[in-house]
Protein backbone atom coordinates (compact mmCIF):
# COMPACT_ATOMS: atom_id res chain seq x y z
CA MET A 1 -38.67 -38.91 -66.56
CA ASP A 2 -35.68 -40.90 -67.78
CA SER A 3 -37.69 -44.11 -67.46
CA VAL A 4 -40.48 -42.57 -69.57
CA ILE A 5 -38.04 -41.55 -72.32
CA SER A 6 -36.33 -44.95 -72.34
CA GLY A 7 -39.72 -46.69 -72.34
CA LEU A 8 -40.98 -44.60 -75.24
CA SER A 9 -37.81 -45.19 -77.27
CA ALA A 10 -38.25 -48.94 -76.76
CA GLY A 11 -41.93 -48.60 -77.65
CA PHE A 12 -41.21 -46.79 -80.90
CA SER A 13 -38.71 -49.49 -81.85
CA VAL A 14 -41.63 -51.94 -81.58
CA ALA A 15 -44.31 -49.75 -83.19
CA LEU A 16 -42.10 -48.76 -86.14
CA GLN A 17 -41.36 -52.33 -87.16
CA PRO A 18 -42.74 -52.63 -90.73
CA PHE A 19 -45.46 -55.14 -89.82
CA ASN A 20 -46.65 -53.20 -86.75
CA PHE A 21 -46.49 -49.90 -88.61
CA PHE A 22 -48.70 -51.40 -91.32
CA LEU A 23 -51.15 -52.60 -88.64
CA VAL A 24 -51.37 -49.09 -87.20
CA LEU A 25 -52.28 -47.67 -90.61
CA ALA A 26 -54.67 -50.53 -91.41
CA GLY A 27 -56.37 -50.24 -88.02
CA CYS A 28 -56.84 -46.47 -88.36
CA PHE A 29 -58.25 -46.76 -91.87
CA ALA A 30 -60.54 -49.69 -91.04
CA GLY A 31 -61.65 -47.96 -87.83
CA THR A 32 -62.57 -44.81 -89.76
CA LEU A 33 -64.74 -46.81 -92.18
CA ILE A 34 -66.37 -48.76 -89.32
CA GLY A 35 -67.02 -45.62 -87.28
CA ALA A 36 -68.58 -43.86 -90.27
CA LEU A 37 -71.43 -46.41 -90.26
CA PRO A 38 -74.14 -44.95 -88.00
CA GLY A 39 -74.37 -46.68 -84.64
CA ILE A 40 -71.54 -49.20 -85.07
CA GLY A 41 -68.97 -47.28 -83.03
CA PRO A 42 -65.57 -48.28 -81.68
CA ILE A 43 -66.80 -50.86 -79.17
CA ASN A 44 -68.53 -52.96 -81.86
CA GLY A 45 -65.67 -52.47 -84.33
CA VAL A 46 -63.08 -53.76 -81.85
CA ALA A 47 -65.34 -56.61 -80.74
CA ILE A 48 -65.94 -57.73 -84.34
CA LEU A 49 -62.23 -57.72 -85.28
CA LEU A 50 -60.81 -59.18 -82.05
CA PRO A 51 -61.41 -62.82 -83.12
CA ILE A 52 -59.69 -62.08 -86.44
CA ALA A 53 -56.60 -60.59 -84.76
CA TYR A 54 -56.43 -63.56 -82.37
CA GLY A 55 -57.19 -66.20 -84.99
CA LEU A 56 -54.43 -65.02 -87.35
CA GLY A 57 -51.85 -65.74 -84.67
CA PHE A 58 -50.51 -62.19 -84.31
CA PRO A 59 -48.03 -61.55 -81.48
CA PRO A 60 -49.77 -59.87 -78.51
CA GLU A 61 -48.19 -56.46 -79.15
CA SER A 62 -49.19 -56.55 -82.83
CA ALA A 63 -52.78 -57.56 -82.07
CA LEU A 64 -53.13 -54.79 -79.47
CA ILE A 65 -51.65 -52.23 -81.86
CA LEU A 66 -54.19 -53.22 -84.54
CA LEU A 67 -57.15 -53.12 -82.14
CA ALA A 68 -56.06 -49.78 -80.66
CA GLY A 69 -55.81 -48.35 -84.19
CA ILE A 70 -59.37 -49.47 -84.85
CA TYR A 71 -60.42 -47.91 -81.53
CA TYR A 72 -59.30 -44.35 -82.19
CA GLY A 73 -59.94 -44.66 -85.93
CA ALA A 74 -63.60 -45.43 -85.16
CA GLU A 75 -63.67 -42.55 -82.67
CA TYR A 76 -62.96 -40.20 -85.56
CA GLY A 77 -65.06 -42.08 -88.12
CA GLY A 78 -68.21 -41.62 -86.04
CA ARG A 79 -67.94 -37.89 -86.66
CA ILE A 80 -68.39 -38.30 -90.41
CA SER A 81 -72.01 -39.44 -90.16
CA SER A 82 -72.65 -36.97 -87.32
CA ILE A 83 -71.54 -34.00 -89.41
CA LEU A 84 -72.88 -35.07 -92.80
CA LEU A 85 -76.10 -36.91 -91.90
CA ASN A 86 -76.88 -35.66 -88.37
CA VAL A 87 -76.69 -39.30 -87.21
CA PRO A 88 -74.18 -39.87 -84.37
CA GLY A 89 -71.80 -42.75 -84.93
CA ASP A 90 -71.63 -43.40 -81.17
CA ALA A 91 -72.52 -41.80 -77.83
CA GLY A 92 -69.46 -39.56 -77.87
CA ALA A 93 -70.51 -38.04 -81.21
CA VAL A 94 -73.92 -36.79 -80.04
CA MET A 95 -72.56 -33.33 -79.17
CA THR A 96 -70.77 -33.12 -82.52
CA THR A 97 -74.13 -32.97 -84.32
CA LEU A 98 -75.06 -29.69 -82.60
CA ASP A 99 -72.63 -27.53 -84.59
CA GLY A 100 -71.13 -29.95 -87.10
CA ASN A 101 -74.35 -30.65 -89.00
CA PRO A 102 -75.43 -26.98 -89.21
CA MET A 103 -71.99 -26.22 -90.71
CA ALA A 104 -72.51 -28.96 -93.30
CA LYS A 105 -76.00 -27.70 -94.14
CA ARG A 106 -74.70 -24.24 -94.93
CA GLY A 107 -72.09 -25.64 -97.32
CA GLU A 108 -69.12 -25.99 -94.94
CA ALA A 109 -68.90 -29.77 -94.72
CA GLY A 110 -65.21 -29.76 -95.70
CA ARG A 111 -64.42 -27.12 -93.10
CA ALA A 112 -66.28 -29.06 -90.40
CA LEU A 113 -64.67 -32.42 -91.26
CA SER A 114 -61.14 -31.00 -91.44
CA LEU A 115 -61.55 -29.03 -88.20
CA SER A 116 -62.87 -32.21 -86.59
CA ALA A 117 -59.76 -34.09 -87.76
CA VAL A 118 -57.39 -31.44 -86.37
CA ALA A 119 -59.21 -31.16 -83.03
CA SER A 120 -59.28 -34.96 -82.72
CA PHE A 121 -55.55 -35.16 -83.47
CA ILE A 122 -54.65 -32.52 -80.87
CA GLY A 123 -56.96 -34.02 -78.23
CA GLY A 124 -55.70 -37.56 -78.84
CA THR A 125 -52.03 -36.56 -78.87
CA PHE A 126 -52.44 -34.45 -75.73
CA ALA A 127 -53.96 -37.45 -73.97
CA VAL A 128 -51.15 -39.80 -75.02
CA ILE A 129 -48.50 -37.34 -73.77
CA LEU A 130 -50.22 -37.07 -70.38
CA MET A 131 -50.64 -40.85 -70.29
CA SER A 132 -46.93 -41.36 -70.96
CA VAL A 133 -45.80 -38.97 -68.23
CA PHE A 134 -48.46 -39.13 -65.52
CA GLY A 135 -50.39 -42.33 -66.29
CA PRO A 136 -49.74 -44.45 -63.18
CA LEU A 137 -50.15 -41.50 -60.79
CA LEU A 138 -53.43 -40.38 -62.35
CA ALA A 139 -54.79 -43.91 -62.47
CA SER A 140 -54.10 -44.42 -58.76
CA TYR A 141 -56.11 -41.25 -58.04
CA ALA A 142 -58.96 -42.23 -60.37
CA VAL A 143 -59.62 -45.48 -58.51
CA THR A 144 -60.18 -43.51 -55.28
CA PHE A 145 -63.50 -42.37 -56.78
CA SER A 146 -66.24 -44.11 -54.82
CA PRO A 147 -69.81 -44.74 -56.05
CA SER A 148 -70.93 -41.60 -54.17
CA ASP A 149 -68.28 -39.57 -56.05
CA TYR A 150 -69.66 -40.89 -59.34
CA VAL A 151 -73.14 -39.79 -58.26
CA ALA A 152 -71.74 -36.28 -57.72
CA LEU A 153 -70.08 -36.41 -61.14
CA MET A 154 -73.38 -37.37 -62.77
CA VAL A 155 -75.16 -34.52 -60.93
CA PHE A 156 -72.52 -32.15 -62.30
CA ALA A 157 -73.05 -33.52 -65.81
CA PHE A 158 -76.83 -33.10 -65.50
CA ALA A 159 -76.34 -29.55 -64.19
CA SER A 160 -74.27 -28.84 -67.28
CA LEU A 161 -77.37 -29.67 -69.34
CA ALA A 162 -79.21 -26.65 -67.89
CA SER A 163 -77.79 -24.28 -70.49
CA LEU A 164 -76.21 -26.85 -72.78
CA VAL A 165 -78.31 -26.48 -75.88
CA GLY A 166 -81.25 -24.45 -77.04
CA SER A 167 -82.66 -21.24 -75.64
CA ASN A 168 -85.26 -22.85 -73.39
CA PRO A 169 -83.83 -24.48 -70.21
CA VAL A 170 -87.24 -25.99 -69.36
CA LYS A 171 -87.35 -27.91 -72.64
CA THR A 172 -83.75 -29.00 -72.12
CA LEU A 173 -84.62 -30.34 -68.66
CA LEU A 174 -87.72 -32.12 -69.95
CA ALA A 175 -85.69 -33.71 -72.76
CA ALA A 176 -83.12 -34.98 -70.23
CA LEU A 177 -85.95 -36.42 -68.10
CA MET A 178 -87.29 -38.25 -71.16
CA GLY A 179 -83.84 -39.80 -71.58
CA LEU A 180 -83.85 -40.86 -67.91
CA MET A 181 -87.26 -42.48 -68.39
CA LEU A 182 -86.02 -44.44 -71.41
CA ALA A 183 -82.98 -45.58 -69.38
CA SER A 184 -85.25 -46.99 -66.64
CA ILE A 185 -87.08 -49.38 -68.99
CA GLY A 186 -86.31 -53.07 -68.35
CA ILE A 187 -85.82 -55.39 -65.39
CA ASP A 188 -84.63 -53.68 -62.21
CA ALA A 189 -81.18 -55.13 -61.49
CA ASN A 190 -81.72 -55.06 -57.69
CA THR A 191 -85.28 -56.36 -57.33
CA GLY A 192 -85.84 -58.25 -60.58
CA VAL A 193 -89.10 -56.36 -61.13
CA PRO A 194 -89.91 -55.32 -64.74
CA ARG A 195 -90.19 -51.54 -65.16
CA TYR A 196 -92.30 -49.93 -67.91
CA THR A 197 -92.13 -53.02 -70.13
CA PHE A 198 -95.94 -53.31 -70.60
CA GLY A 199 -95.63 -57.07 -70.99
CA ILE A 200 -93.34 -56.84 -74.04
CA PRO A 201 -90.64 -59.52 -73.67
CA ASP A 202 -88.23 -57.86 -76.13
CA ILE A 203 -87.64 -54.87 -73.85
CA LEU A 204 -87.15 -56.79 -70.60
CA ALA A 205 -83.40 -56.26 -71.01
CA GLY A 206 -83.94 -52.55 -71.66
CA ILE A 207 -83.55 -50.57 -74.86
CA ASP A 208 -80.11 -50.70 -76.46
CA PHE A 209 -78.29 -47.39 -76.85
CA LEU A 210 -77.82 -48.08 -80.55
CA VAL A 211 -81.59 -48.37 -81.01
CA VAL A 212 -82.22 -45.10 -79.18
CA VAL A 213 -79.60 -43.05 -81.01
CA ILE A 214 -80.45 -44.41 -84.48
CA GLY A 215 -84.17 -43.96 -83.83
CA LEU A 216 -84.08 -40.45 -82.37
CA PHE A 217 -81.47 -39.10 -84.76
CA GLY A 218 -81.32 -41.25 -87.89
CA MET A 219 -85.00 -42.10 -88.36
CA ALA A 220 -86.16 -38.68 -87.14
CA GLU A 221 -83.87 -37.06 -89.73
CA LEU A 222 -85.27 -39.39 -92.40
CA ILE A 223 -88.87 -38.46 -91.55
CA HIS A 224 -87.91 -34.78 -91.56
CA LEU A 225 -86.42 -35.13 -95.05
CA VAL A 226 -89.52 -36.98 -96.30
CA GLU A 227 -91.74 -34.24 -94.87
CA GLN A 228 -89.72 -31.54 -96.66
CA GLN A 229 -89.85 -33.55 -99.88
CA ILE A 230 -93.65 -33.91 -99.71
CA THR A 231 -94.21 -30.24 -98.90
CA GLY A 232 -91.79 -29.07 -101.61
CA ARG A 233 -89.44 -27.39 -99.12
CA LEU A 234 -86.51 -29.70 -99.82
CA LYS A 235 -83.57 -27.58 -100.98
CA PRO A 236 -80.29 -28.87 -102.42
CA LEU A 237 -77.37 -28.58 -100.00
CA ALA A 238 -74.62 -26.18 -100.98
CA ILE A 239 -71.20 -27.79 -101.30
CA ASP A 240 -68.01 -25.78 -101.62
CA LYS A 241 -64.31 -26.50 -101.23
CA SER A 242 -64.14 -25.12 -97.71
CA PHE A 243 -61.30 -26.33 -95.51
CA VAL A 244 -60.05 -25.55 -92.03
CA SER A 245 -58.15 -22.26 -91.98
CA TRP A 246 -55.55 -20.70 -89.71
CA ALA A 247 -58.28 -18.34 -88.53
CA ASP A 248 -60.36 -21.37 -87.43
CA LEU A 249 -57.40 -22.79 -85.52
CA ALA A 250 -56.70 -19.44 -83.88
CA MET A 251 -60.36 -19.14 -82.87
CA THR A 252 -60.53 -22.65 -81.41
CA LYS A 253 -57.04 -23.05 -79.88
CA TRP A 254 -58.13 -22.42 -76.28
CA THR A 255 -61.32 -24.40 -76.83
CA ILE A 256 -59.30 -27.41 -77.96
CA LEU A 257 -56.85 -27.08 -75.04
CA ARG A 258 -59.62 -26.78 -72.42
CA SER A 259 -61.60 -29.64 -73.90
CA SER A 260 -58.53 -31.89 -74.18
CA ILE A 261 -57.80 -31.44 -70.47
CA ILE A 262 -61.44 -32.06 -69.52
CA GLY A 263 -61.70 -35.09 -71.79
CA PHE A 264 -58.53 -36.72 -70.53
CA PHE A 265 -59.31 -36.38 -66.83
CA ILE A 266 -62.90 -37.57 -67.26
CA GLY A 267 -61.67 -40.41 -69.48
CA ILE A 268 -59.43 -41.87 -66.76
CA LEU A 269 -62.44 -42.30 -64.46
CA PRO A 270 -63.57 -45.90 -65.03
CA GLY A 271 -67.00 -46.20 -66.60
CA THR A 272 -67.51 -42.59 -67.72
CA GLY A 273 -66.34 -42.48 -71.34
CA ALA A 274 -66.47 -40.03 -74.23
CA SER A 275 -70.18 -39.22 -73.88
CA VAL A 276 -69.70 -37.62 -70.45
CA ALA A 277 -66.46 -35.93 -71.53
CA SER A 278 -67.95 -34.37 -74.67
CA ALA A 279 -71.05 -33.15 -72.79
CA VAL A 280 -69.03 -31.53 -70.00
CA ALA A 281 -66.56 -29.99 -72.48
CA TYR A 282 -69.39 -28.54 -74.60
CA GLY A 283 -71.17 -27.21 -71.51
CA THR A 284 -67.94 -25.63 -70.27
CA GLU A 285 -67.38 -23.95 -73.63
CA LYS A 286 -70.96 -22.68 -73.59
CA ARG A 287 -70.20 -20.85 -70.35
CA VAL A 288 -66.67 -19.56 -70.79
CA ALA A 289 -66.56 -18.67 -74.50
CA LYS A 290 -67.24 -15.16 -75.75
CA ASN A 291 -70.41 -14.79 -77.83
CA SER A 292 -71.41 -18.29 -76.75
CA GLU A 293 -74.98 -17.78 -78.00
CA THR A 294 -73.75 -18.85 -81.45
CA LEU A 295 -72.91 -22.34 -80.19
CA GLY A 296 -75.47 -24.76 -81.56
CA THR A 297 -75.92 -22.84 -84.80
CA GLY A 298 -72.75 -23.98 -86.60
CA ASP A 299 -70.00 -22.42 -84.48
CA PRO A 300 -66.55 -24.01 -85.04
CA ARG A 301 -65.89 -23.84 -81.28
CA GLY A 302 -68.98 -25.98 -80.66
CA LEU A 303 -67.54 -28.59 -83.02
CA ALA A 304 -63.94 -28.45 -81.74
CA ALA A 305 -64.90 -28.83 -78.06
CA PRO A 306 -66.55 -32.29 -78.17
CA GLU A 307 -64.13 -33.54 -80.83
CA ALA A 308 -61.05 -32.75 -78.75
CA ALA A 309 -62.73 -34.01 -75.56
CA ASN A 310 -63.92 -37.39 -76.83
CA ASN A 311 -60.57 -38.27 -78.40
CA ALA A 312 -58.74 -37.18 -75.24
CA ALA A 313 -61.19 -39.31 -73.25
CA ALA A 314 -60.38 -42.31 -75.45
CA GLY A 315 -56.70 -41.89 -74.54
CA GLY A 316 -57.54 -41.29 -70.89
CA ALA A 317 -59.58 -44.51 -70.75
CA MET A 318 -56.41 -46.45 -71.65
CA VAL A 319 -54.64 -45.24 -68.48
CA PRO A 320 -56.47 -47.34 -65.84
CA MET A 321 -56.55 -50.33 -68.21
CA LEU A 322 -52.79 -50.40 -68.75
CA THR A 323 -51.63 -49.33 -65.30
CA LEU A 324 -54.25 -50.98 -63.04
CA GLY A 325 -56.06 -53.53 -65.18
CA ILE A 326 -59.34 -51.62 -64.79
CA PRO A 327 -61.16 -50.74 -68.04
CA GLY A 328 -62.03 -47.07 -68.37
CA SER A 329 -64.72 -47.61 -71.02
CA GLY A 330 -66.59 -50.34 -72.86
CA THR A 331 -64.00 -50.44 -75.63
CA THR A 332 -61.06 -50.68 -73.25
CA ALA A 333 -62.91 -53.53 -71.51
CA ILE A 334 -62.67 -55.45 -74.80
CA LEU A 335 -58.98 -54.49 -75.11
CA LEU A 336 -58.48 -55.77 -71.56
CA GLY A 337 -60.11 -59.02 -72.62
CA ALA A 338 -57.69 -59.16 -75.55
CA LEU A 339 -54.74 -58.86 -73.16
CA LEU A 340 -56.08 -61.68 -71.00
CA LEU A 341 -56.72 -63.74 -74.15
CA PHE A 342 -52.98 -63.53 -74.84
CA ASN A 343 -52.18 -64.44 -71.20
CA VAL A 344 -50.88 -60.93 -70.46
CA ALA A 345 -51.79 -59.54 -67.03
CA PRO A 346 -52.28 -55.77 -67.21
CA GLY A 347 -51.12 -53.56 -64.35
CA PRO A 348 -47.97 -51.81 -63.10
CA LEU A 349 -45.84 -54.94 -63.52
CA MET A 350 -46.69 -55.15 -67.22
CA PHE A 351 -44.44 -52.12 -67.87
CA GLU A 352 -41.53 -54.10 -66.36
CA GLN A 353 -42.36 -57.64 -67.44
CA ARG A 354 -43.84 -56.96 -70.92
CA PRO A 355 -42.57 -53.49 -71.93
CA GLU A 356 -42.84 -54.34 -75.63
CA ILE A 357 -46.64 -54.54 -75.19
CA ALA A 358 -47.17 -51.59 -72.82
CA TRP A 359 -44.78 -49.09 -74.40
CA GLY A 360 -45.31 -50.44 -77.93
CA LEU A 361 -49.04 -49.76 -77.58
CA ILE A 362 -48.45 -46.23 -76.25
CA ALA A 363 -45.95 -45.46 -79.03
CA SER A 364 -48.41 -46.75 -81.64
CA MET A 365 -50.98 -44.25 -80.38
CA TYR A 366 -48.63 -41.37 -81.21
CA ILE A 367 -48.23 -42.80 -84.70
CA GLY A 368 -51.93 -43.59 -85.04
CA ASN A 369 -53.07 -40.06 -84.19
CA LEU A 370 -50.74 -38.64 -86.82
CA ALA A 371 -51.78 -41.33 -89.30
CA LEU A 372 -55.47 -40.44 -88.82
CA LEU A 373 -54.71 -36.82 -89.64
CA VAL A 374 -52.70 -37.77 -92.74
CA ILE A 375 -55.30 -40.31 -93.92
CA ASN A 376 -58.43 -38.25 -93.33
CA LEU A 377 -57.49 -34.71 -94.34
CA PRO A 378 -57.02 -35.67 -98.04
CA LEU A 379 -60.36 -37.54 -97.94
CA VAL A 380 -62.34 -34.59 -96.58
CA GLY A 381 -63.43 -33.53 -100.06
CA LEU A 382 -64.54 -37.06 -100.90
CA PHE A 383 -66.58 -37.38 -97.70
CA ALA A 384 -68.14 -33.93 -98.23
CA ARG A 385 -69.24 -34.92 -101.73
CA MET A 386 -71.61 -37.44 -100.13
CA LEU A 387 -73.90 -34.45 -99.69
CA THR A 388 -74.05 -33.94 -103.45
CA ILE A 389 -76.20 -37.07 -103.63
CA PRO A 390 -79.73 -35.85 -104.46
CA GLN A 391 -81.72 -35.87 -101.25
CA GLN A 392 -84.44 -38.06 -102.69
CA TYR A 393 -81.72 -40.74 -102.89
CA LEU A 394 -80.03 -39.70 -99.64
CA THR A 395 -83.23 -40.40 -97.71
CA PRO A 396 -83.37 -44.16 -98.49
CA LEU A 397 -79.59 -44.33 -97.99
CA ILE A 398 -80.00 -43.09 -94.40
CA ALA A 399 -82.80 -45.64 -93.90
CA VAL A 400 -80.65 -48.51 -95.21
CA LEU A 401 -77.67 -47.50 -93.04
CA ALA A 402 -79.92 -47.19 -89.99
CA PHE A 403 -81.56 -50.60 -90.40
CA ILE A 404 -78.31 -52.38 -91.29
CA GLY A 405 -76.47 -50.69 -88.42
CA VAL A 406 -79.07 -51.81 -85.87
CA TYR A 407 -79.70 -55.33 -87.17
CA SER A 408 -75.99 -56.15 -87.60
CA VAL A 409 -75.41 -55.47 -83.90
CA VAL A 410 -78.59 -56.49 -82.06
CA SER A 411 -79.99 -59.06 -84.58
CA ASN A 412 -83.54 -58.59 -83.29
CA PRO A 413 -86.35 -57.69 -85.74
CA HIS A 414 -88.29 -56.09 -82.87
CA ASP A 415 -85.64 -53.37 -82.60
CA LEU A 416 -86.33 -52.35 -86.21
CA TYR A 417 -89.90 -51.50 -85.17
CA MET A 418 -88.51 -49.76 -82.10
CA ILE A 419 -86.24 -47.42 -84.09
CA THR A 420 -89.20 -46.53 -86.31
CA LEU A 421 -91.33 -45.70 -83.25
CA LEU A 422 -88.51 -43.67 -81.69
CA GLY A 423 -88.00 -41.94 -85.04
CA VAL A 424 -91.60 -40.70 -85.03
CA PHE A 425 -91.14 -39.61 -81.39
CA GLY A 426 -87.92 -37.76 -82.27
CA TRP A 427 -89.61 -36.08 -85.26
CA ILE A 428 -92.43 -34.84 -83.00
CA LEU A 429 -89.87 -33.47 -80.52
CA ARG A 430 -88.14 -31.64 -83.38
CA LYS A 431 -91.46 -30.14 -84.45
CA LEU A 432 -91.95 -28.93 -80.85
CA GLN A 433 -88.42 -27.41 -80.97
CA PHE A 434 -86.89 -29.79 -78.43
CA SER A 435 -83.20 -30.58 -78.79
CA LEU A 436 -82.56 -34.33 -79.04
CA ALA A 437 -79.06 -34.23 -77.54
CA PRO A 438 -80.27 -33.95 -73.90
CA VAL A 439 -82.53 -36.99 -74.47
CA ILE A 440 -79.54 -39.10 -75.52
CA LEU A 441 -77.33 -37.78 -72.72
CA GLY A 442 -80.08 -38.38 -70.16
CA PHE A 443 -80.35 -41.95 -71.45
CA VAL A 444 -76.57 -42.54 -71.30
CA LEU A 445 -76.02 -40.90 -67.91
CA GLY A 446 -79.21 -42.28 -66.38
CA SER A 447 -77.96 -45.84 -65.95
CA LEU A 448 -74.59 -44.62 -64.63
CA PHE A 449 -76.38 -42.38 -62.13
CA GLU A 450 -78.81 -45.06 -60.92
CA ASN A 451 -76.22 -47.84 -60.63
CA ASN A 452 -73.77 -45.73 -58.62
CA LEU A 453 -76.50 -44.26 -56.41
CA ARG A 454 -77.69 -47.76 -55.53
CA ARG A 455 -74.14 -48.95 -54.85
CA ALA A 456 -73.51 -45.98 -52.56
CA LEU A 457 -76.75 -46.54 -50.61
CA SER A 458 -76.01 -50.28 -50.34
CA ILE A 459 -72.59 -49.50 -48.85
CA SER A 460 -74.12 -47.08 -46.30
CA ALA A 461 -77.15 -49.27 -45.53
CA GLY A 462 -79.46 -46.57 -46.82
CA ASP A 463 -77.75 -43.57 -45.22
CA TRP A 464 -77.93 -40.67 -47.72
CA GLY A 465 -75.15 -38.89 -45.84
CA ILE A 466 -72.62 -41.02 -47.73
CA LEU A 467 -73.19 -38.77 -50.75
CA LEU A 468 -71.42 -35.91 -48.94
CA GLN A 469 -68.61 -37.75 -47.16
CA SER A 470 -65.70 -37.08 -49.55
CA TRP A 471 -64.02 -33.94 -50.84
CA ASN A 472 -64.42 -35.20 -54.39
CA SER A 473 -68.21 -35.20 -53.97
CA ILE A 474 -68.33 -31.83 -52.20
CA ILE A 475 -66.25 -30.13 -54.89
CA LEU A 476 -68.39 -31.62 -57.68
CA TYR A 477 -71.65 -30.58 -55.96
CA ALA A 478 -70.25 -27.07 -55.51
CA LEU A 479 -69.38 -26.94 -59.21
CA ALA A 480 -72.85 -28.21 -60.13
CA THR A 481 -74.45 -25.51 -57.98
CA ALA A 482 -72.25 -22.84 -59.52
CA VAL A 483 -73.13 -24.03 -63.03
CA VAL A 484 -76.85 -23.53 -62.30
CA VAL A 485 -76.75 -20.44 -60.07
CA LEU A 486 -74.06 -18.24 -61.63
CA PRO A 487 -75.75 -17.76 -65.04
CA VAL A 488 -79.01 -16.74 -63.28
CA TRP A 489 -77.13 -14.36 -60.98
CA ALA A 490 -75.20 -12.84 -63.89
CA ALA A 491 -78.42 -12.36 -65.90
CA ARG A 492 -80.10 -10.54 -62.99
CA ARG A 493 -77.09 -8.27 -62.59
CA ARG A 494 -77.22 -7.36 -66.27
CA ARG A 495 -80.89 -6.34 -66.17
CA PRO A 496 -80.47 -3.32 -63.87
CA ALA A 497 -77.42 -2.26 -65.86
CA GLN A 498 -79.41 -2.39 -69.09
CA GLY A 499 -82.23 -0.44 -67.42
CA ARG A 500 -79.87 2.42 -66.58
């Protein structure tokens, strides 16, 4: 513990230097603006600004502090478009749309945005504290997860979808299967055989996540608005000066704590990321919260859970990168590349050989989380006023943001047709009362599930028994079974009681 305190004190002496402190603030502010653009997300924001940080000749610790600020600034910024426009900024923000956007539509955009900022701050700070104290120990456990353990984790995540959203589990399951089907499009990595490409060269590499999320959410929302406008059912959105209250914080305190723990521990598992963490946290809240039937209709707990989880996961993903040199997410893979670009070898020795980088980065995350809260809370009213834009003008604005967001990242005109096609598909699903969140989660988790299943079977030469050879897998399968069976058992027990 003494070494942690001395390391943090040295780290704060680095992070609080005027130039580095300015970079923390600049990174958080720039990250928020980047994340607010639908589909850009933290991974693209960090990738775009990495050459700038390197080209300006910043010291390694300063460059990492700037990029980390952009990372968790963009994590929060993605929630702005999710809440206001029902368009997720990144995969981790998909669950935020379920309760955040309904709150905005009933005139509580300020309340939703400010609660999101507070939950993100608590989740992020909780993760940094755990990283400071238990980072190396937790990272060494995380790398014991084998491909078969990841398969079990994905099964648990899919089981969580059973009662995740909506009142119809069959539609939820079908939506998740649609996401799995979309994830399977492209060339099979093992055999080189094209799957479901129908001779179209542009989808041989698969469909980019950005295209799927912008199409199913952004374009589907645009078509829905146009339909309402044509039929005369388009109503102006109510905007008030709502803000997070002490009652909201009291209601969500245990939700935020639970979700922060879940997010952090899932975040340290390499390759999982905020999308898995937010889905599991939301599913957990759906099962343990009182009056959970209100989740999905604009319940503050349904907003706080994914917000705390995905920011905690962002902090958790830094643990294996710093302590073992193994990226925990796509964004931390870019940060790892930045370290190598500056000839810094990440791992346990970095804390001894380059403490100004390791502890300076950790200390900057404490400052950055607080800076995000201070920067964004005063801007909540300004962000909420976006909804005062007449919806006949808001509709083309969503279209412009969607097309610019996709083309700036993938630079392929074919994908603009693809998001339009997926938008029509998403609009049809909405008309049939399907939730779109399971489609996105099925798409995100599908590739993780398939890749780890194939690795596990390759290791065992095709023996399926490898999936049950570790305690990690057995525990996760038991949890997945409980998630599916217990609600059914509880419902059957309630029926006789209601009959009496």
